[in-house]
Amino acid sequence: MTPEELAAKLPPGFVLGVSTSAYQIEGASDLRGPAGWDRFAADPGVILDGTDALVAADHYHRMPQDVGLMKELGVDAYRFSISWPRVQPGGQGPANPTGLDFYDRLLDELLAAGIRPMATLYHWDTPLEIDELGGWAKRDTAYRFADYVRICGEAFGDRVADWVTINEPATLALEGYTLDVHSPGTALWVAGARAAHHLLLGHGLAVRALREVPVTGRIGISNAHTPVFAATSHWRDRFAARNFDILSNRVFGDPVLLGKRAPGLVGLGVRLAALPHWGDRKIIAEPIDFYGVQYYFPSRVAAGPPHVKVGTHDGHSKAMLDLPLRLEPWPEYEVTGFGWPDSPDLLPVLLGQLADRYGGRLPPLIFTEGGASYPDRPQPDGSVDDDQRIDYLESHISAVVDQVPGVEVEGYFVWSLLDNFEWAAGYTQKFGLIAVDPETQERRPKSSFDWYRRVLAARER
């Protein structure tokens, strides 16, 4: 399919954008407060290549150049995140004027370039001081977060078109608090259960805070969703798959969209089923204007402990060896650099599941992230021909715009604009449309950048 043919499939008004997150690209760590991820990354062995994000892609100092590249690309919108420790070092007290000034300048640059701003208020960079007090496992963090959100709403509420409260609470609760793959690096089910609830509570409090300001933009949340399948028809595998589906999808979707807890978990998830303070569900279920979906892969689940070399899709830890289930490979699909199955045909399956589960309570959807990592070996002239990424994005965007009954999809944001610090994988996984030289910070658009530019330019307005 040519870029022009894909463009012809896009419905009128369909938004195409790019996504990043503050911690993964900004750098300038000396101009913000410390984040929990700073401490986590400093521990030997937790980051695959031993790197950190103290400089990252140096977006803080190169922001005008990066906005210029987005303007050249022709995107409709840019989803970025606001760094909590940059705006409110320590997670409490007054705002940091230097931090506010950076996002003021970013928003002004975006609007001058004709790019719609979508701001994510929390993309995992918890202030270190809050992590040291227990992080999201403590209820007070949800209220601290709401205070910070109010600061952002008052400062930027006249210019941000779309607000995302929290990015992928499922990933943080499971991989950060339960499985010790991400910061803060705990391996406690009870901490994961509490973090899951407090993240949802923080979302609801954030929605209320933004509306009280009030801001002019729309408000939503972004959740990672994965269609789950049992590895075999055996009842143990089906049982394990049901629990994994609830943990990955429904623990976070049901309270926000239905105002009730997910179906009861048995065995693996029994502690997550007993979440505290369910009187908070009215706050958690505050009406939202859109629901962000992030689809990267399906999950094939089998009963039994993981093999030593099989972890989650993001990494490995000793805590995973105690799980009563494991993720099995998908030999029928090609895989990305992360080993994730390239499976656009299962994207409509996911959309159908969301429609079936949430019906009329499902607001318009936005794919707030979607993309793939590949080795991306530069040519002698520095160019990067990333045909695999082009094929991936073409097939996934095409699948998104195909009609699924009961689902309205408003747009798709490519992850990511720039090669960046990819959490526990460090800089080993490259998702960007633009290559970033780790030594010089030179930006070089890849072939996928040119392909995406052609898609954007060929659309009917």
Protein backbone atom coordinates (compact mmCIF):
# COMPACT_ATOMS: atom_id res chain seq x y z
CA MET A 1 0.00 0.00 0.00
CA THR A 2 1.42 3.38 -0.93
CA PRO A 3 1.29 6.35 1.47
CA GLU A 4 -1.33 7.88 -0.80
CA GLU A 5 -3.49 4.74 -0.66
CA LEU A 6 -3.32 4.68 3.13
CA ALA A 7 -4.18 8.38 3.25
CA ALA A 8 -7.25 7.71 1.12
CA LYS A 9 -8.50 5.25 3.78
CA LEU A 10 -8.42 7.81 6.58
CA PRO A 11 -11.83 9.21 7.54
CA PRO A 12 -12.29 13.00 7.58
CA GLY A 13 -10.93 14.55 10.73
CA PHE A 14 -8.87 11.50 11.73
CA VAL A 15 -5.94 12.80 13.80
CA LEU A 16 -2.41 11.61 13.11
CA GLY A 17 0.28 12.53 15.60
CA VAL A 18 3.44 11.48 17.42
CA SER A 19 4.07 10.70 21.09
CA THR A 20 6.96 11.09 23.52
CA SER A 21 7.39 11.19 27.29
CA ALA A 22 9.34 13.70 29.37
CA TYR A 23 11.63 11.31 31.23
CA GLN A 24 12.58 9.43 28.08
CA ILE A 25 13.67 12.43 25.99
CA GLU A 26 14.11 15.64 27.99
CA GLY A 27 17.38 15.20 29.84
CA ALA A 28 18.38 18.39 31.71
CA SER A 29 18.19 16.46 34.96
CA ASP A 30 20.04 19.28 36.74
CA LEU A 31 17.06 21.57 36.10
CA ARG A 32 14.46 19.37 37.77
CA GLY A 33 14.02 17.51 41.00
CA PRO A 34 15.20 13.90 41.23
CA ALA A 35 12.84 11.20 39.99
CA GLY A 36 12.42 7.69 41.29
CA TRP A 37 13.65 6.43 37.95
CA ASP A 38 16.98 8.23 38.54
CA ARG A 39 17.61 6.10 41.61
CA PHE A 40 16.30 2.92 39.98
CA ALA A 41 18.51 3.32 36.90
CA ALA A 42 21.58 3.92 39.08
CA ASP A 43 21.36 0.39 40.53
CA PRO A 44 23.77 -1.93 38.70
CA GLY A 45 22.13 -4.42 36.37
CA VAL A 46 18.59 -3.05 36.25
CA ILE A 47 19.02 -1.22 32.92
CA LEU A 48 19.99 -3.57 30.10
CA ASP A 49 22.82 -1.44 28.71
CA GLY A 50 23.76 0.26 31.98
CA THR A 51 22.62 3.70 30.81
CA ASP A 52 20.40 6.38 32.32
CA ALA A 53 18.15 9.25 31.21
CA LEU A 54 20.04 12.15 32.75
CA VAL A 55 20.74 13.52 29.25
CA ALA A 56 18.49 11.27 27.15
CA ALA A 57 17.75 12.96 23.79
CA ASP A 58 18.41 16.43 25.28
CA HIS A 59 14.98 17.56 24.15
CA TYR A 60 14.93 20.22 26.88
CA HIS A 61 17.66 22.18 25.12
CA ARG A 62 16.68 21.18 21.57
CA MET A 63 12.93 21.61 21.84
CA PRO A 64 12.56 24.28 19.10
CA GLN A 65 14.47 22.04 16.69
CA ASP A 66 12.23 19.08 17.54
CA VAL A 67 9.06 21.11 17.07
CA GLY A 68 10.48 22.23 13.74
CA LEU A 69 10.89 18.59 12.73
CA MET A 70 7.27 17.92 13.69
CA LYS A 71 6.18 20.86 11.58
CA GLU A 72 8.21 19.47 8.67
CA LEU A 73 6.57 16.09 9.25
CA GLY A 74 3.13 17.71 9.11
CA VAL A 75 1.53 16.04 12.14
CA ASP A 76 -1.83 17.21 13.42
CA ALA A 77 -0.98 16.77 17.08
CA TYR A 78 1.82 16.04 19.53
CA ARG A 79 1.38 14.02 22.69
CA PHE A 80 4.07 14.89 25.22
CA SER A 81 4.23 14.48 28.97
CA ILE A 82 4.83 17.02 31.69
CA SER A 83 7.50 16.05 34.21
CA TRP A 84 6.14 16.12 37.75
CA PRO A 85 9.62 16.57 39.32
CA ARG A 86 10.36 19.39 36.85
CA VAL A 87 7.19 21.31 37.64
CA GLN A 88 6.96 20.45 41.34
CA PRO A 89 10.29 19.14 42.69
CA GLY A 90 9.73 16.88 45.64
CA GLY A 91 6.08 16.37 44.76
CA GLN A 92 4.70 19.10 47.00
CA GLY A 93 4.79 22.83 47.51
CA PRO A 94 4.95 25.62 44.95
CA ALA A 95 5.75 25.19 41.29
CA ASN A 96 9.25 25.53 39.88
CA PRO A 97 9.18 28.63 37.61
CA THR A 98 11.91 27.18 35.37
CA GLY A 99 9.87 24.05 34.80
CA LEU A 100 6.71 25.98 34.03
CA ASP A 101 8.65 28.17 31.62
CA PHE A 102 9.84 25.17 29.59
CA TYR A 103 6.32 23.89 28.99
CA ASP A 104 5.09 27.43 28.34
CA ARG A 105 7.65 27.72 25.55
CA LEU A 106 6.85 24.24 24.22
CA LEU A 107 3.14 25.01 24.00
CA ASP A 108 3.75 28.32 22.30
CA GLU A 109 6.08 26.66 19.76
CA LEU A 110 3.50 23.96 19.03
CA LEU A 111 0.64 26.40 18.55
CA ALA A 112 2.77 28.63 16.33
CA ALA A 113 3.52 25.55 14.21
CA GLY A 114 -0.17 24.66 13.96
CA ILE A 115 0.23 21.48 16.06
CA ARG A 116 -2.48 20.45 18.54
CA PRO A 117 -1.01 19.82 22.05
CA MET A 118 -1.97 16.71 24.00
CA ALA A 119 -0.39 16.76 27.47
CA THR A 120 0.07 13.67 29.62
CA LEU A 121 0.29 14.67 33.26
CA TYR A 122 2.03 11.54 34.52
CA HIS A 123 4.20 9.18 32.50
CA TRP A 124 5.88 7.29 35.37
CA ASP A 125 8.39 9.94 36.54
CA THR A 126 7.42 10.08 40.21
CA PRO A 127 9.35 12.60 42.34
CA LEU A 128 11.98 10.65 44.28
CA GLU A 129 10.77 12.00 47.62
CA ILE A 130 7.32 10.53 47.00
CA ASP A 131 8.79 7.17 45.99
CA GLU A 132 10.78 7.15 49.22
CA LEU A 133 7.53 7.56 51.16
CA GLY A 134 5.98 4.56 49.41
CA GLY A 135 5.00 6.03 46.04
CA TRP A 136 1.67 4.98 44.59
CA ALA A 137 1.36 2.24 47.22
CA LYS A 138 0.41 5.12 49.57
CA ARG A 139 -3.00 6.76 49.32
CA ASP A 140 -1.59 10.22 49.94
CA THR A 141 0.20 10.12 46.58
CA ALA A 142 -3.12 10.37 44.75
CA TYR A 143 -3.86 13.66 46.56
CA ARG A 144 -0.32 14.96 45.99
CA PHE A 145 -0.81 14.18 42.32
CA ALA A 146 -4.07 16.12 42.21
CA ASP A 147 -2.32 19.17 43.68
CA TYR A 148 0.34 18.98 40.96
CA VAL A 149 -2.34 18.53 38.29
CA ARG A 150 -4.07 21.70 39.48
CA ILE A 151 -0.80 23.60 39.06
CA CYS A 152 -0.54 22.36 35.47
CA GLY A 153 -4.17 23.12 34.72
CA GLU A 154 -3.86 26.68 35.97
CA ALA A 155 -0.63 27.24 34.04
CA PHE A 156 -1.48 25.57 30.73
CA GLY A 157 -5.23 25.08 30.70
CA ASP A 158 -5.84 27.76 28.08
CA ARG A 159 -3.61 26.06 25.48
CA VAL A 160 -3.71 22.27 25.94
CA ALA A 161 -6.34 20.73 23.68
CA ASP A 162 -6.36 17.25 25.26
CA TRP A 163 -5.25 16.09 28.69
CA VAL A 164 -4.19 12.54 29.58
CA THR A 165 -4.18 12.11 33.34
CA ILE A 166 -2.06 8.95 33.72
CA ASN A 167 -0.19 6.82 31.22
CA GLU A 168 -0.56 3.03 31.44
CA PRO A 169 -1.40 2.51 35.12
CA ALA A 170 -1.47 -1.25 34.47
CA THR A 171 2.17 -1.29 33.40
CA LEU A 172 3.31 0.73 36.40
CA ALA A 173 1.34 -1.29 38.96
CA LEU A 174 2.41 -4.67 37.57
CA GLU A 175 5.96 -4.02 36.42
CA GLY A 176 6.97 -1.33 38.89
CA TYR A 177 5.33 -2.51 42.10
CA THR A 178 4.65 -6.21 41.62
CA LEU A 179 7.37 -7.63 39.36
CA ASP A 180 10.44 -5.42 39.99
CA VAL A 181 11.06 -4.67 36.30
CA HIS A 182 10.47 -0.91 36.42
CA SER A 183 10.87 1.77 39.06
CA PRO A 184 10.29 1.83 42.00
CA GLY A 185 11.50 -1.78 41.86
CA THR A 186 9.35 -3.62 44.38
CA ALA A 187 8.18 -7.21 44.15
CA LEU A 188 5.14 -7.18 46.40
CA TRP A 189 1.61 -8.14 45.33
CA VAL A 190 0.13 -6.05 48.10
CA ALA A 191 2.08 -2.99 46.86
CA GLY A 192 0.88 -3.66 43.32
CA ALA A 193 -2.72 -3.91 44.47
CA ARG A 194 -2.53 -0.68 46.41
CA ALA A 195 -0.72 1.11 43.58
CA ALA A 196 -3.40 -0.01 41.12
CA HIS A 197 -6.15 1.49 43.23
CA HIS A 198 -4.31 4.69 44.07
CA LEU A 199 -3.41 5.30 40.44
CA LEU A 200 -7.08 5.04 39.55
CA LEU A 201 -7.99 7.31 42.44
CA GLY A 202 -5.32 9.77 41.30
CA HIS A 203 -6.86 9.73 37.84
CA GLY A 204 -10.30 10.58 39.18
CA LEU A 205 -8.97 13.32 41.44
CA ALA A 206 -7.02 14.73 38.49
CA VAL A 207 -10.16 14.86 36.34
CA ARG A 208 -11.92 16.78 39.09
CA ALA A 209 -8.98 19.14 39.56
CA LEU A 210 -8.81 19.98 35.87
CA ARG A 211 -12.54 20.64 35.71
CA GLU A 212 -12.39 22.81 38.81
CA VAL A 213 -9.66 25.04 37.31
CA PRO A 214 -11.36 24.88 34.74
CA VAL A 215 -9.35 23.93 31.66
CA THR A 216 -10.67 24.33 28.13
CA GLY A 217 -9.35 21.02 26.75
CA ARG A 218 -10.81 17.54 26.81
CA ILE A 219 -9.79 15.02 29.49
CA GLY A 220 -9.02 11.30 29.28
CA ILE A 221 -6.65 8.54 30.38
CA SER A 222 -4.34 6.17 28.48
CA ASN A 223 -4.30 2.45 29.20
CA ALA A 224 -2.30 -0.33 27.60
CA HIS A 225 -4.65 -3.05 26.37
CA THR A 226 -3.83 -6.50 25.07
CA PRO A 227 -6.19 -9.12 23.65
CA VAL A 228 -5.58 -12.28 25.70
CA PHE A 229 -5.76 -15.87 24.45
CA ALA A 230 -5.21 -19.18 26.21
CA ALA A 231 -2.19 -21.08 24.90
CA THR A 232 -4.26 -24.29 24.68
CA SER A 233 -7.83 -25.36 25.32
CA HIS A 234 -6.82 -26.97 28.62
CA TRP A 235 -8.80 -25.56 31.53
CA ARG A 236 -5.64 -24.50 33.39
CA ASP A 237 -4.50 -22.36 30.48
CA ARG A 238 -7.98 -20.91 30.03
CA PHE A 239 -8.10 -20.13 33.75
CA ALA A 240 -4.69 -18.46 33.62
CA ALA A 241 -5.68 -16.45 30.54
CA ARG A 242 -8.85 -15.23 32.25
CA ASN A 243 -6.86 -13.98 35.25
CA PHE A 244 -4.28 -12.31 33.02
CA ASP A 245 -7.01 -10.58 31.00
CA ILE A 246 -8.56 -9.20 34.17
CA LEU A 247 -5.18 -8.05 35.53
CA SER A 248 -4.04 -6.44 32.30
CA ASN A 249 -7.28 -5.00 30.99
CA ARG A 250 -10.25 -4.97 33.30
CA VAL A 251 -8.73 -3.96 36.66
CA PHE A 252 -8.06 -0.58 35.06
CA GLY A 253 -10.78 -0.28 32.42
CA ASP A 254 -13.84 -1.34 34.40
CA PRO A 255 -13.57 1.15 37.31
CA VAL A 256 -13.00 4.09 34.94
CA LEU A 257 -15.63 3.21 32.34
CA LEU A 258 -18.23 1.25 34.32
CA GLY A 259 -17.76 2.61 37.81
CA LYS A 260 -17.27 -0.83 39.34
CA ARG A 261 -14.44 -3.17 40.15
CA ALA A 262 -13.34 -5.79 37.68
CA PRO A 263 -14.67 -9.36 37.96
CA GLY A 264 -13.23 -11.32 40.87
CA LEU A 265 -9.78 -12.77 40.40
CA VAL A 266 -8.95 -16.24 41.61
CA GLY A 267 -5.57 -17.67 42.51
CA LEU A 268 -3.02 -15.31 40.94
CA GLY A 269 -5.03 -12.17 41.49
CA VAL A 270 -6.84 -12.81 44.74
CA ARG A 271 -4.95 -10.02 46.48
CA LEU A 272 -5.72 -7.58 43.69
CA ALA A 273 -9.42 -8.39 44.02
CA ALA A 274 -9.41 -7.09 47.58
CA LEU A 275 -8.59 -3.50 46.70
CA PRO A 276 -9.18 -1.02 49.56
CA HIS A 277 -11.42 2.05 49.65
CA TRP A 278 -13.91 1.01 46.99
CA GLY A 279 -16.04 3.90 48.18
CA ASP A 280 -13.75 5.88 45.86
CA ARG A 281 -15.36 4.40 42.78
CA LYS A 282 -17.48 7.49 42.09
CA ILE A 283 -14.30 9.58 41.93
CA ILE A 284 -12.54 7.02 39.73
CA ALA A 285 -15.51 6.94 37.34
CA GLU A 286 -15.64 10.70 36.74
CA PRO A 287 -16.89 11.08 33.13
CA ILE A 288 -14.10 11.46 30.58
CA ASP A 289 -14.14 12.86 27.06
CA PHE A 290 -11.97 10.23 25.39
CA TYR A 291 -10.23 6.97 26.25
CA GLY A 292 -6.62 6.44 25.21
CA VAL A 293 -5.69 2.95 24.01
CA GLN A 294 -2.13 1.71 23.58
CA TYR A 295 -1.80 -1.51 21.64
CA TYR A 296 1.55 -3.14 21.04
CA PHE A 297 0.95 -6.89 21.17
CA PRO A 298 -1.50 -9.67 22.02
CA SER A 299 -0.86 -12.06 24.92
CA ARG A 300 -0.87 -15.87 24.73
CA VAL A 301 -1.05 -17.21 28.27
CA ALA A 302 -0.25 -20.63 29.70
CA ALA A 303 -0.49 -21.94 33.24
CA GLY A 304 2.68 -22.74 35.12
CA PRO A 305 5.77 -20.77 36.14
CA PRO A 306 7.67 -18.84 33.48
CA HIS A 307 10.69 -20.32 31.81
CA VAL A 308 13.93 -18.68 32.93
CA LYS A 309 14.22 -16.75 29.65
CA VAL A 310 10.56 -15.77 29.40
CA GLY A 311 9.38 -12.71 31.29
CA THR A 312 6.95 -9.96 30.48
CA HIS A 313 7.13 -8.05 27.23
CA ASP A 314 9.29 -5.41 28.94
CA GLY A 315 11.92 -7.34 30.84
CA HIS A 316 12.79 -10.03 33.34
CA SER A 317 13.09 -10.34 37.11
CA LYS A 318 13.35 -12.97 39.81
CA ALA A 319 9.81 -12.13 40.93
CA MET A 320 8.47 -13.45 37.62
CA LEU A 321 9.72 -16.95 38.40
CA ASP A 322 7.10 -17.18 41.16
CA LEU A 323 4.17 -16.43 38.85
CA PRO A 324 1.66 -19.24 38.21
CA LEU A 325 1.38 -18.26 34.54
CA ARG A 326 3.60 -17.31 31.64
CA LEU A 327 3.45 -15.58 28.27
CA GLU A 328 4.04 -17.88 25.32
CA PRO A 329 5.48 -16.84 21.93
CA TRP A 330 3.52 -16.37 18.70
CA PRO A 331 5.47 -18.33 16.05
CA GLU A 332 2.96 -17.40 13.34
CA TYR A 333 3.94 -13.72 13.53
CA GLU A 334 7.10 -11.79 12.78
CA VAL A 335 8.46 -10.01 15.84
CA THR A 336 9.77 -6.52 16.54
CA GLY A 337 13.10 -5.76 18.14
CA PHE A 338 11.50 -6.19 21.54
CA GLY A 339 10.27 -9.63 20.51
CA TRP A 340 6.67 -8.43 20.36
CA PRO A 341 4.45 -10.09 17.73
CA ASP A 342 3.58 -7.87 14.78
CA SER A 343 -0.14 -8.64 14.79
CA PRO A 344 -2.34 -5.92 13.25
CA ASP A 345 -5.06 -8.47 12.51
CA LEU A 346 -5.74 -8.78 16.25
CA LEU A 347 -6.23 -5.05 16.72
CA PRO A 348 -9.89 -5.21 15.57
CA VAL A 349 -10.34 -8.09 18.04
CA LEU A 350 -9.25 -5.78 20.83
CA LEU A 351 -11.62 -3.06 19.66
CA GLY A 352 -14.47 -5.55 19.53
CA GLN A 353 -13.73 -6.64 23.10
CA LEU A 354 -13.81 -3.04 24.30
CA ALA A 355 -17.14 -2.49 22.54
CA ASP A 356 -18.61 -5.67 24.03
CA ARG A 357 -17.44 -4.89 27.57
CA TYR A 358 -18.27 -1.19 27.76
CA GLY A 359 -21.00 -0.59 25.19
CA GLY A 360 -22.48 2.87 25.41
CA ARG A 361 -20.11 3.77 28.26
CA LEU A 362 -17.15 3.65 25.87
CA PRO A 363 -16.18 7.21 24.87
CA PRO A 364 -14.37 8.00 21.61
CA LEU A 365 -11.04 6.18 21.46
CA ILE A 366 -7.64 7.63 20.59
CA PHE A 367 -4.66 5.38 19.99
CA THR A 368 -2.32 7.48 22.11
CA GLU A 369 0.64 5.20 21.34
CA GLY A 370 1.51 2.64 18.70
CA GLY A 371 4.83 1.71 17.15
CA ALA A 372 7.68 -0.75 16.95
CA SER A 373 11.36 -1.01 17.80
CA TYR A 374 13.84 -2.40 15.27
CA PRO A 375 17.66 -2.58 15.10
CA ASP A 376 17.84 0.45 12.74
CA ARG A 377 21.39 0.15 11.45
CA PRO A 378 22.55 3.45 9.91
CA GLN A 379 24.08 3.47 6.44
CA PRO A 380 27.55 5.00 5.86
CA ASP A 381 25.91 8.35 5.08
CA GLY A 382 23.97 8.22 8.36
CA SER A 383 20.58 7.46 6.79
CA VAL A 384 18.34 4.78 8.26
CA ASP A 385 16.15 2.64 6.00
CA ASP A 386 13.55 1.22 8.39
CA ASP A 387 11.18 -0.54 6.01
CA GLN A 388 10.00 -2.89 8.77
CA ARG A 389 8.71 0.06 10.81
CA ILE A 390 6.95 1.46 7.75
CA ASP A 391 5.21 -1.90 7.18
CA TYR A 392 4.26 -2.07 10.85
CA LEU A 393 2.76 1.41 10.97
CA GLU A 394 0.97 1.03 7.65
CA SER A 395 -0.73 -2.18 8.74
CA HIS A 396 -1.67 -0.94 12.22
CA ILE A 397 -3.02 2.44 11.11
CA SER A 398 -4.98 0.69 8.38
CA ALA A 399 -6.45 -1.73 10.94
CA VAL A 400 -7.39 1.15 13.26
CA VAL A 401 -9.45 2.96 10.63
CA ASP A 402 -11.36 -0.15 9.53
CA GLN A 403 -14.81 0.06 11.03
CA VAL A 404 -15.61 -1.94 14.18
CA PRO A 405 -19.26 -1.70 15.28
CA GLY A 406 -19.75 0.30 18.46
CA VAL A 407 -16.32 1.91 18.36
CA GLU A 408 -15.39 5.46 17.35
CA VAL A 409 -11.64 5.96 16.82
CA GLU A 410 -10.49 9.57 16.53
CA GLY A 411 -6.78 9.24 15.88
CA TYR A 412 -3.44 7.44 16.08
CA PHE A 413 -0.21 8.71 17.65
CA VAL A 414 3.04 7.05 16.58
CA TRP A 415 5.46 6.06 19.31
CA SER A 416 7.80 7.71 18.99
CA LEU A 417 9.07 10.93 17.45
CA LEU A 418 12.64 10.30 18.65
CA ASP A 419 14.79 7.36 19.63
CA ASN A 420 14.81 7.54 23.41
CA PHE A 421 15.57 5.96 26.77
CA GLU A 422 13.32 2.92 26.68
CA TRP A 423 13.06 2.30 30.43
CA ALA A 424 14.64 -1.00 31.54
CA ALA A 425 15.91 -1.60 27.99
CA GLY A 426 17.94 1.61 28.03
CA TYR A 427 18.86 2.69 24.52
CA THR A 428 18.84 -0.83 23.06
CA GLN A 429 15.33 -0.47 21.62
CA LYS A 430 14.74 2.21 18.99
CA PHE A 431 11.17 3.30 18.28
CA GLY A 432 11.78 6.72 16.75
CA LEU A 433 10.88 8.14 13.38
CA ILE A 434 14.04 10.18 13.97
CA ALA A 435 17.42 8.69 14.91
CA VAL A 436 19.33 10.44 17.68
CA ASP A 437 23.11 10.09 17.86
CA PRO A 438 23.86 9.36 21.55
CA GLU A 439 27.19 11.19 21.39
CA THR A 440 26.35 14.32 19.38
CA GLN A 441 22.53 14.41 19.78
CA GLU A 442 22.31 14.94 16.01
CA ARG A 443 18.81 14.21 14.65
CA ARG A 444 18.47 12.21 11.43
CA PRO A 445 14.99 11.47 10.08
CA LYS A 446 14.57 7.84 9.06
CA SER A 447 12.78 6.48 6.00
CA SER A 448 9.67 6.08 8.19
CA PHE A 449 9.71 9.84 8.81
CA ASP A 450 9.50 10.49 5.08
CA TRP A 451 6.82 7.81 4.68
CA TYR A 452 4.69 9.32 7.45
CA ARG A 453 5.18 12.80 5.98
CA ARG A 454 3.84 11.55 2.66
CA VAL A 455 0.79 9.97 4.35
CA LEU A 456 0.07 13.21 6.17
CA ALA A 457 0.50 15.33 3.07
CA ALA A 458 -1.74 13.13 0.90
CA ARG A 459 -4.85 13.30 3.09
CA GLU A 460 -8.01 15.03 2.02
CA ARG A 461 -8.75 17.89 4.41
